[in-house]
Amino acid sequence: MRPGFSGRRAAGMGAAVLVAATGLAACSSQPDGAGAPSAGAGQSAAGGGTYTIWDPYPQYDKSSDWVKLLTQCGTQAGVTVERTGYDTTDLTNKALLAAQQGNSPDVLIVDNPVVSTLAEAGVLTTTEENKLDVTSIAPNLLAAGQLGGKTYGIPIGANTLALYYNKEVLKKAGVDADSVKDWASLTAALQKVKAAGKKGITFSAIGTEEGSFQFLPWFWGSGASLTKLDSPEGVASVALWADWLKKGYAPNSVINNTQTTSWQEFATGDFAFGENGTWQLANAKKTGFDYGIIPIPAKDGGTAPAPTGGEFVSIPVQSDTARYATSQKLVSCLTSTDNSLTTTTTLSYIAPTEAVQTKQVEQNAELKVWVEAVKAAKGRTSDNLGTKYPKISEPMWGAVQAALSGSTAPQEAMAAAQSTAASATQ
């Protein structure tokens, strides 16, 4: 969930899934060029021509490295690339509408939770159909774009969550960050921080997909499964957060915190820990205090599986199948090992292949913890959940809200959530 370097897209990714899953919503205002007829229909691949690419990066203009790469890939394929950048939610709606009208772009780059929605709607071709090589892609990242045993694109990169920490706050509390290996040691650290007069941990538990995104490392880190929200493990993960609030280790503001407002709390310098993503690295350097980063610990030790953010590059269904050969060249160019380092650096992502991840860490040692987190990460729609995920996520974040507010005990909250999710996904 890379929120445009600021926090915007963190919410957008979840919203995109929910909007797409519940039908076409009203479209927001369009950027220049939006809504123009796609070259996807009616132009044959012979003799070059124009190929359209839609992406969710409207913040990048023609002078950016990203758009220069798109143009370069078009030149190598012998065609002209016509690119449009949409807001994430708008892009999902536009892609569904374009498919209905037989007017899809040649290449579509979408947030990973949306892939299964578009695949189920018959919008996307498979990597097998277009002979796209995915053998070097990390299986856990590729899984976010898979449904029913088929793969519908290639991840362009990934980001995820970890724990930022304030070195000075921990030092004054007598806590060594390296000692935080599991839930027990983290809770013990928070207790020491509070005793030293500082604040423990901040995160986002807002009643939206952002809240689910931040809760999932703890939920999955307990060993729980999204198909059984009220398992003992699932209940334990909610109880952990509720207990932190009850004991004052986390502020009540987390109930309404977005990932942006949670970051703002951490940036005050009063908190020992802040759960947030790769996209805050630039802001971390501006806080004015020394910070470090550790993976989110699983209940009994090791790195918890955090959800993956990031997009997939895919090829939509075209009536003119002769276009696929050139589209394949464009996708292969964008995701090649040679270009992946440029792409992931530009987009602040961790690469989807081990070879490029190694290069990233060589260039920036600070990314090592993020590479580890991405290796342990998991797609929200993985386990073949696909479009069932939003129907599970909403009752889950509702249960977290109820438990943190103290209105419902964790066991009862998760039992109600499981009942709602089970009915919705039958």
Protein backbone atom coordinates (compact mmCIF):
# COMPACT_ATOMS: atom_id res chain seq x y z
CA MET A 1 0.00 0.00 0.00
CA ARG A 2 2.17 2.78 -1.16
CA PRO A 3 0.13 5.90 -0.60
CA GLY A 4 1.63 8.28 -3.11
CA PHE A 5 4.44 9.07 -0.68
CA SER A 6 1.96 10.65 1.73
CA GLY A 7 -0.74 8.27 2.92
CA ARG A 8 -3.33 8.82 0.19
CA ARG A 9 -3.20 5.47 -1.54
CA ALA A 10 -3.16 3.46 1.66
CA ALA A 11 -6.87 4.06 1.95
CA GLY A 12 -7.40 3.99 -1.79
CA MET A 13 -6.31 0.42 -2.27
CA GLY A 14 -8.89 -0.97 0.10
CA ALA A 15 -11.52 1.38 -1.24
CA ALA A 16 -10.83 0.19 -4.76
CA VAL A 17 -11.62 -3.39 -3.81
CA LEU A 18 -14.78 -2.46 -1.98
CA VAL A 19 -16.06 -0.19 -4.74
CA ALA A 20 -15.32 -2.76 -7.42
CA ALA A 21 -16.82 -5.58 -5.41
CA THR A 22 -20.08 -3.76 -4.83
CA GLY A 23 -20.62 -2.41 -8.32
CA LEU A 24 -19.66 0.67 -10.28
CA ALA A 25 -19.77 3.81 -8.18
CA ALA A 26 -19.91 7.35 -9.49
CA CYS A 27 -16.59 8.29 -11.05
CA SER A 28 -14.61 11.16 -9.60
CA SER A 29 -13.19 14.00 -11.64
CA GLN A 30 -10.85 12.82 -14.36
CA PRO A 31 -7.27 13.86 -15.05
CA ASP A 32 -6.44 15.35 -18.42
CA GLY A 33 -6.89 12.72 -21.11
CA ALA A 34 -9.08 10.49 -18.95
CA GLY A 35 -11.94 8.88 -20.76
CA ALA A 36 -10.29 9.18 -24.17
CA PRO A 37 -11.04 6.23 -26.45
CA SER A 38 -8.56 3.40 -26.00
CA ALA A 39 -6.40 2.30 -28.88
CA GLY A 40 -7.12 -1.22 -27.65
CA ALA A 41 -9.81 -1.74 -30.24
CA GLY A 42 -9.56 -1.39 -33.98
CA GLN A 43 -5.84 -0.86 -34.47
CA SER A 44 -3.81 -3.80 -35.59
CA ALA A 45 -0.34 -4.51 -34.26
CA ALA A 46 1.14 -4.36 -37.74
CA GLY A 47 3.13 -1.21 -38.45
CA GLY A 48 3.47 -0.04 -34.84
CA GLY A 49 0.59 2.19 -33.85
CA THR A 50 -0.46 3.45 -30.41
CA TYR A 51 -0.81 1.29 -27.31
CA THR A 52 -2.57 2.53 -24.19
CA ILE A 53 -1.36 2.05 -20.63
CA TRP A 54 -3.43 2.98 -17.58
CA ASP A 55 -1.76 3.24 -14.18
CA PRO A 56 -2.64 4.49 -10.66
CA TYR A 57 0.21 7.01 -10.46
CA PRO A 58 -1.31 10.38 -11.44
CA GLN A 59 1.39 12.12 -9.38
CA TYR A 60 3.97 11.33 -12.09
CA ASP A 61 4.15 13.60 -15.16
CA LYS A 62 6.00 13.23 -18.44
CA SER A 63 9.29 14.37 -16.90
CA SER A 64 9.29 11.54 -14.30
CA ASP A 65 11.47 8.44 -14.52
CA TRP A 66 8.29 6.34 -14.51
CA VAL A 67 6.77 7.91 -17.62
CA LYS A 68 10.16 7.97 -19.34
CA LEU A 69 10.38 4.21 -18.78
CA LEU A 70 6.92 3.67 -20.28
CA THR A 71 7.97 5.67 -23.34
CA GLN A 72 11.24 3.74 -23.58
CA CYS A 73 9.45 0.39 -23.44
CA GLY A 74 7.12 1.57 -26.19
CA THR A 75 10.07 2.59 -28.37
CA GLN A 76 11.70 -0.81 -27.87
CA ALA A 77 8.45 -2.51 -28.89
CA GLY A 78 8.17 -0.27 -31.96
CA VAL A 79 5.00 1.51 -30.85
CA THR A 80 3.87 4.77 -29.29
CA VAL A 81 2.66 4.55 -25.69
CA GLU A 82 -0.34 6.65 -24.67
CA ARG A 83 -0.39 6.70 -20.89
CA THR A 84 -3.09 7.89 -18.47
CA GLY A 85 -2.67 8.03 -14.69
CA TYR A 86 -5.84 7.68 -12.62
CA ASP A 87 -6.61 7.80 -8.95
CA THR A 88 -6.71 4.23 -7.63
CA THR A 89 -10.46 3.92 -7.04
CA ASP A 90 -11.27 5.73 -10.27
CA LEU A 91 -8.98 3.39 -12.19
CA THR A 92 -10.84 0.29 -11.00
CA ASN A 93 -14.18 1.73 -12.07
CA LYS A 94 -12.78 2.89 -15.41
CA ALA A 95 -11.30 -0.56 -16.09
CA LEU A 96 -14.62 -2.31 -15.41
CA LEU A 97 -16.56 0.16 -17.55
CA ALA A 98 -14.04 0.01 -20.41
CA ALA A 99 -14.27 -3.79 -20.45
CA GLN A 100 -18.06 -3.61 -20.67
CA GLN A 101 -17.70 -1.28 -23.65
CA GLY A 102 -15.00 -3.40 -25.35
CA ASN A 103 -12.61 -0.49 -24.93
CA SER A 104 -9.95 -1.74 -22.51
CA PRO A 105 -6.40 -0.37 -22.46
CA ASP A 106 -3.64 -2.61 -23.78
CA VAL A 107 -1.80 -2.67 -20.45
CA LEU A 108 -3.41 -2.11 -17.08
CA ILE A 109 -1.57 -1.55 -13.80
CA VAL A 110 -3.82 -2.03 -10.76
CA ASP A 111 -3.57 -2.51 -6.99
CA ASN A 112 -3.10 -6.16 -6.12
CA PRO A 113 -6.44 -6.62 -4.25
CA VAL A 114 -8.27 -5.52 -7.38
CA VAL A 115 -6.77 -8.19 -9.64
CA SER A 116 -9.15 -10.91 -8.49
CA THR A 117 -12.14 -8.58 -8.93
CA LEU A 118 -11.17 -7.80 -12.51
CA ALA A 119 -10.25 -11.42 -13.23
CA GLU A 120 -13.60 -12.68 -11.96
CA ALA A 121 -15.32 -10.08 -14.14
CA GLY A 122 -13.49 -11.46 -17.19
CA VAL A 123 -11.47 -8.29 -17.74
CA LEU A 124 -7.95 -9.78 -17.65
CA THR A 125 -5.98 -12.37 -19.59
CA THR A 126 -3.70 -14.83 -17.82
CA THR A 127 0.08 -14.84 -17.85
CA GLU A 128 -0.09 -18.29 -19.44
CA GLU A 129 -2.18 -17.00 -22.33
CA ASN A 130 0.35 -14.26 -23.04
CA LYS A 131 3.45 -16.31 -22.26
CA LEU A 132 4.62 -13.91 -19.53
CA ASP A 133 7.47 -15.40 -17.50
CA VAL A 134 6.75 -15.32 -13.75
CA THR A 135 9.24 -17.99 -12.66
CA SER A 136 11.53 -15.50 -10.88
CA ILE A 137 8.74 -13.75 -8.98
CA ALA A 138 8.44 -14.46 -5.25
CA PRO A 139 5.49 -16.88 -4.84
CA ASN A 140 4.00 -14.98 -1.89
CA LEU A 141 3.81 -11.79 -3.98
CA LEU A 142 2.54 -13.55 -7.09
CA ALA A 143 -0.27 -15.13 -5.04
CA ALA A 144 -2.01 -11.77 -4.72
CA GLY A 145 -2.69 -11.91 -8.46
CA GLN A 146 -3.89 -15.50 -8.60
CA LEU A 147 -7.41 -16.87 -8.64
CA GLY A 148 -8.59 -20.39 -9.32
CA GLY A 149 -5.07 -21.59 -10.07
CA LYS A 150 -4.47 -18.94 -12.74
CA THR A 151 -2.18 -15.90 -12.62
CA TYR A 152 -3.45 -12.58 -13.98
CA GLY A 153 -0.39 -10.36 -14.08
CA ILE A 154 3.06 -9.63 -12.71
CA PRO A 155 3.71 -7.62 -9.52
CA ILE A 156 5.64 -4.47 -10.30
CA GLY A 157 6.85 -4.30 -6.72
CA ALA A 158 5.57 -4.52 -3.18
CA ASN A 159 5.52 -2.72 0.12
CA THR A 160 4.26 -3.70 3.51
CA LEU A 161 4.31 -2.78 7.19
CA ALA A 162 6.94 -2.82 9.93
CA LEU A 163 7.56 -1.09 13.25
CA TYR A 164 9.42 2.21 13.29
CA TYR A 165 10.95 2.98 16.67
CA ASN A 166 12.35 6.04 18.41
CA LYS A 167 15.86 5.21 19.63
CA GLU A 168 15.95 7.90 22.32
CA VAL A 169 12.60 6.88 23.83
CA LEU A 170 13.67 3.24 24.03
CA LYS A 171 17.07 4.16 25.48
CA LYS A 172 15.50 6.19 28.29
CA ALA A 173 13.16 3.28 29.03
CA GLY A 174 16.04 0.80 29.13
CA VAL A 175 14.72 -1.16 26.15
CA ASP A 176 16.88 -2.76 23.47
CA ALA A 177 14.96 -2.88 20.17
CA ASP A 178 16.70 -6.14 19.30
CA SER A 179 15.04 -7.76 22.32
CA VAL A 180 11.60 -7.38 20.71
CA LYS A 181 11.10 -10.80 19.17
CA ASP A 182 7.48 -11.73 19.95
CA TRP A 183 4.30 -10.33 21.49
CA ALA A 184 5.43 -10.90 25.06
CA SER A 185 8.72 -9.02 24.64
CA LEU A 186 6.99 -6.19 22.76
CA THR A 187 4.36 -5.81 25.47
CA ALA A 188 7.11 -5.84 28.12
CA ALA A 189 8.89 -3.07 26.21
CA LEU A 190 5.70 -0.99 26.08
CA GLN A 191 5.28 -1.42 29.83
CA LYS A 192 8.80 -0.06 30.43
CA VAL A 193 8.21 2.87 28.09
CA LYS A 194 5.03 3.86 29.90
CA ALA A 195 6.78 3.57 33.26
CA ALA A 196 9.46 5.93 31.93
CA GLY A 197 6.80 8.54 31.19
CA LYS A 198 6.58 8.12 27.42
CA LYS A 199 3.96 6.69 25.05
CA GLY A 200 4.11 3.11 23.80
CA ILE A 201 2.82 2.40 20.31
CA THR A 202 0.57 3.99 17.74
CA PHE A 203 -1.17 2.39 14.77
CA SER A 204 -4.26 2.72 12.60
CA ALA A 205 -7.38 0.88 13.69
CA ILE A 206 -9.88 3.04 11.83
CA GLY A 207 -13.07 1.35 10.63
CA THR A 208 -12.00 1.09 7.00
CA GLU A 209 -9.74 -1.17 4.91
CA GLU A 210 -6.81 0.80 6.34
CA GLY A 211 -7.65 -0.57 9.78
CA SER A 212 -7.78 -4.13 8.45
CA PHE A 213 -4.49 -3.60 6.64
CA GLN A 214 -2.76 -2.62 9.88
CA PHE A 215 -4.47 -5.33 11.92
CA LEU A 216 -3.60 -8.22 9.61
CA PRO A 217 0.06 -8.65 10.73
CA TRP A 218 -1.16 -9.29 14.25
CA PHE A 219 -4.05 -11.48 13.08
CA TRP A 220 -1.90 -13.57 10.75
CA GLY A 221 1.00 -13.42 13.21
CA SER A 222 -1.19 -15.24 15.72
CA GLY A 223 -1.62 -18.11 13.27
CA ALA A 224 -5.22 -17.17 12.47
CA SER A 225 -6.94 -17.59 9.10
CA LEU A 226 -9.36 -15.17 7.45
CA THR A 227 -11.81 -18.01 6.93
CA LYS A 228 -12.19 -18.39 10.70
CA LEU A 229 -12.14 -14.96 12.33
CA ASP A 230 -13.27 -16.22 15.73
CA SER A 231 -10.60 -18.88 16.17
CA PRO A 232 -8.70 -18.69 19.49
CA GLU A 233 -5.77 -17.22 17.56
CA GLY A 234 -7.94 -14.56 15.93
CA VAL A 235 -9.48 -13.60 19.25
CA ALA A 236 -6.02 -13.38 20.82
CA SER A 237 -4.90 -10.85 18.21
CA VAL A 238 -7.84 -8.53 18.95
CA ALA A 239 -7.33 -9.02 22.67
CA LEU A 240 -3.69 -7.96 22.30
CA TRP A 241 -4.64 -4.58 20.87
CA ALA A 242 -7.55 -4.13 23.30
CA ASP A 243 -5.26 -4.88 26.24
CA TRP A 244 -2.72 -2.31 25.03
CA LEU A 245 -5.42 0.37 25.04
CA LYS A 246 -6.75 -0.71 28.41
CA LYS A 247 -3.29 -0.47 29.98
CA GLY A 248 -2.42 2.80 28.27
CA TYR A 249 0.31 1.34 26.07
CA ALA A 250 -1.52 2.62 22.98
CA PRO A 251 -3.70 5.77 22.81
CA ASN A 252 -7.46 5.67 22.28
CA SER A 253 -6.88 7.79 19.17
CA VAL A 254 -5.87 4.65 17.26
CA ILE A 255 -9.59 3.86 16.88
CA ASN A 256 -9.90 6.80 14.48
CA ASN A 257 -6.32 6.92 13.21
CA THR A 258 -5.57 6.61 9.54
CA GLN A 259 -2.06 5.54 8.64
CA THR A 260 -1.28 9.21 8.06
CA THR A 261 -2.53 10.46 11.43
CA SER A 262 -0.87 7.52 13.16
CA TRP A 263 2.42 8.56 11.52
CA GLN A 264 1.88 12.13 12.68
CA GLU A 265 1.58 10.85 16.26
CA PHE A 266 4.81 8.89 15.95
CA ALA A 267 6.54 11.91 14.40
CA THR A 268 5.92 13.96 17.58
CA GLY A 269 8.79 12.04 19.18
CA ASP A 270 6.71 10.91 22.17
CA PHE A 271 6.07 7.34 21.03
CA ALA A 272 8.41 4.37 21.24
CA PHE A 273 6.86 2.53 18.26
CA GLY A 274 4.76 3.32 15.23
CA GLU A 275 3.34 0.73 12.83
CA ASN A 276 3.64 2.03 9.30
CA GLY A 277 4.90 1.34 5.81
CA THR A 278 7.80 1.69 3.44
CA TRP A 279 6.19 4.86 2.10
CA GLN A 280 7.08 6.74 5.31
CA LEU A 281 10.85 6.35 4.90
CA ALA A 282 11.26 9.83 3.44
CA ASN A 283 9.18 11.31 6.26
CA ALA A 284 11.14 9.36 8.86
CA LYS A 285 14.26 11.23 7.83
CA LYS A 286 12.46 14.51 8.55
CA THR A 287 11.36 13.72 12.11
CA GLY A 288 14.46 15.18 13.74
CA PHE A 289 15.09 12.14 15.94
CA ASP A 290 17.03 8.92 15.49
CA TYR A 291 14.82 6.05 14.42
CA GLY A 292 15.15 2.40 13.59
CA ILE A 293 12.90 -0.20 12.00
CA ILE A 294 12.14 -3.78 13.02
CA PRO A 295 9.75 -6.34 11.52
CA ILE A 296 6.39 -6.80 13.22
CA PRO A 297 6.86 -9.81 15.49
CA ALA A 298 4.63 -12.86 15.29
CA LYS A 299 3.00 -14.07 18.51
CA ASP A 300 5.59 -16.73 19.28
CA GLY A 301 8.54 -15.19 17.46
CA GLY A 302 9.73 -14.58 13.92
CA THR A 303 8.38 -12.07 11.43
CA ALA A 304 4.61 -11.78 11.18
CA PRO A 305 3.10 -12.00 7.68
CA ALA A 306 2.05 -8.45 6.89
CA PRO A 307 -0.24 -7.67 3.95
CA THR A 308 1.35 -6.65 0.68
CA GLY A 309 0.68 -3.38 -1.05
CA GLY A 310 1.68 -2.75 -4.63
CA GLU A 311 0.39 -3.15 -8.13
CA PHE A 312 0.21 -5.80 -10.83
CA VAL A 313 0.94 -5.19 -14.49
CA SER A 314 -1.69 -7.03 -16.50
CA ILE A 315 -3.01 -7.40 -20.04
CA PRO A 316 -6.77 -6.86 -20.42
CA VAL A 317 -8.88 -8.90 -22.82
CA GLN A 318 -8.95 -7.45 -26.37
CA SER A 319 -11.21 -8.27 -29.29
CA ASP A 320 -8.17 -7.84 -31.56
CA THR A 321 -5.98 -10.64 -30.23
CA ALA A 322 -3.13 -9.63 -32.55
CA ARG A 323 -2.40 -6.82 -30.10
CA TYR A 324 -1.35 -9.22 -27.35
CA ALA A 325 2.12 -9.85 -28.80
CA THR A 326 3.11 -6.19 -28.44
CA SER A 327 1.38 -5.86 -25.07
CA GLN A 328 3.48 -8.79 -23.90
CA LYS A 329 6.63 -6.93 -24.97
CA LEU A 330 5.54 -3.85 -23.01
CA VAL A 331 4.82 -5.83 -19.83
CA SER A 332 8.04 -7.82 -20.12
CA CYS A 333 9.99 -4.58 -20.53
CA LEU A 334 8.36 -2.93 -17.50
CA THR A 335 8.98 -5.94 -15.26
CA SER A 336 12.40 -7.01 -16.55
CA THR A 337 15.30 -7.37 -14.12
CA ASP A 338 17.12 -4.52 -15.88
CA ASN A 339 14.23 -2.09 -15.40
CA SER A 340 12.89 -3.37 -12.09
CA LEU A 341 15.51 -1.55 -10.03
CA THR A 342 14.58 1.77 -11.66
CA THR A 343 10.87 1.11 -11.31
CA THR A 344 10.91 0.02 -7.67
CA THR A 345 13.24 2.84 -6.67
CA THR A 346 10.99 5.39 -8.39
CA LEU A 347 7.84 3.97 -6.78
CA SER A 348 9.47 3.30 -3.35
CA TYR A 349 8.77 -0.41 -3.58
CA ILE A 350 10.63 -3.59 -2.78
CA ALA A 351 11.29 -5.57 -5.95
CA PRO A 352 9.39 -8.83 -6.54
CA THR A 353 12.55 -10.81 -7.37
CA GLU A 354 15.41 -11.79 -5.11
CA ALA A 355 18.03 -10.62 -7.63
CA VAL A 356 16.75 -7.04 -7.62
CA GLN A 357 16.08 -7.06 -3.87
CA THR A 358 19.78 -7.79 -3.38
CA LYS A 359 20.68 -4.81 -5.56
CA GLN A 360 18.30 -2.58 -3.58
CA VAL A 361 19.92 -3.48 -0.26
CA GLU A 362 23.37 -2.94 -1.75
CA GLN A 363 22.32 0.58 -2.70
CA ASN A 364 20.45 1.31 0.54
CA ALA A 365 21.11 -0.83 3.63
CA GLU A 366 18.02 0.65 5.30
CA LEU A 367 15.87 -1.44 2.96
CA LYS A 368 17.11 -4.72 4.45
CA VAL A 369 14.35 -4.86 7.07
CA TRP A 370 11.75 -4.11 4.39
CA VAL A 371 13.04 -6.90 2.17
CA GLU A 372 12.68 -9.27 5.13
CA ALA A 373 9.16 -8.01 5.79
CA VAL A 374 8.14 -8.40 2.14
CA LYS A 375 9.53 -11.94 2.05
CA ALA A 376 7.22 -12.84 4.94
CA ALA A 377 4.28 -10.83 3.58
CA LYS A 378 1.01 -12.13 2.20
CA GLY A 379 -1.61 -10.88 -0.25
CA ARG A 380 -4.99 -10.09 1.24
CA THR A 381 -6.77 -12.00 -1.52
CA SER A 382 -4.34 -14.94 -1.30
CA ASP A 383 -5.52 -18.41 -0.28
CA ASN A 384 -7.90 -18.14 -3.23
CA LEU A 385 -10.11 -15.69 -1.30
CA GLY A 386 -10.36 -13.36 -4.27
CA THR A 387 -13.49 -11.22 -4.13
CA LYS A 388 -14.49 -12.79 -0.83
CA TYR A 389 -11.81 -10.76 0.93
CA PRO A 390 -13.72 -7.42 1.18
CA LYS A 391 -16.71 -9.29 2.62
CA ILE A 392 -14.46 -10.65 5.36
CA SER A 393 -12.44 -7.52 5.94
CA GLU A 394 -15.39 -5.25 6.74
CA PRO A 395 -16.82 -7.32 9.60
CA MET A 396 -13.25 -7.86 10.85
CA TRP A 397 -12.48 -4.18 11.13
CA GLY A 398 -15.88 -3.70 12.76
CA ALA A 399 -14.97 -6.31 15.38
CA VAL A 400 -11.65 -4.60 16.07
CA GLN A 401 -13.44 -1.28 16.53
CA ALA A 402 -15.96 -2.82 18.91
CA ALA A 403 -13.28 -4.52 21.00
CA LEU A 404 -11.01 -1.47 21.20
CA SER A 405 -13.86 0.82 22.20
CA GLY A 406 -14.73 -1.59 25.00
CA SER A 407 -18.30 -2.02 23.80
CA THR A 408 -17.84 -5.73 23.06
CA ALA A 409 -15.48 -8.38 24.39
CA PRO A 410 -12.96 -9.68 21.80
CA GLN A 411 -14.51 -13.16 21.71
CA GLU A 412 -18.03 -11.85 21.12
CA ALA A 413 -16.85 -9.27 18.57
CA MET A 414 -15.01 -11.82 16.47
CA ALA A 415 -17.83 -14.36 16.73
CA ALA A 416 -20.26 -11.79 15.35
CA ALA A 417 -17.77 -10.88 12.61
CA GLN A 418 -17.34 -14.51 11.62
CA SER A 419 -21.11 -15.00 11.40
CA THR A 420 -21.46 -11.95 9.13
CA ALA A 421 -18.49 -12.96 6.96
CA ALA A 422 -19.72 -16.54 6.60
CA SER A 423 -23.15 -15.37 5.44
CA ALA A 424 -21.64 -12.91 2.98
CA THR A 425 -19.24 -15.39 1.39
CA GLN A 426 -21.52 -18.42 1.03
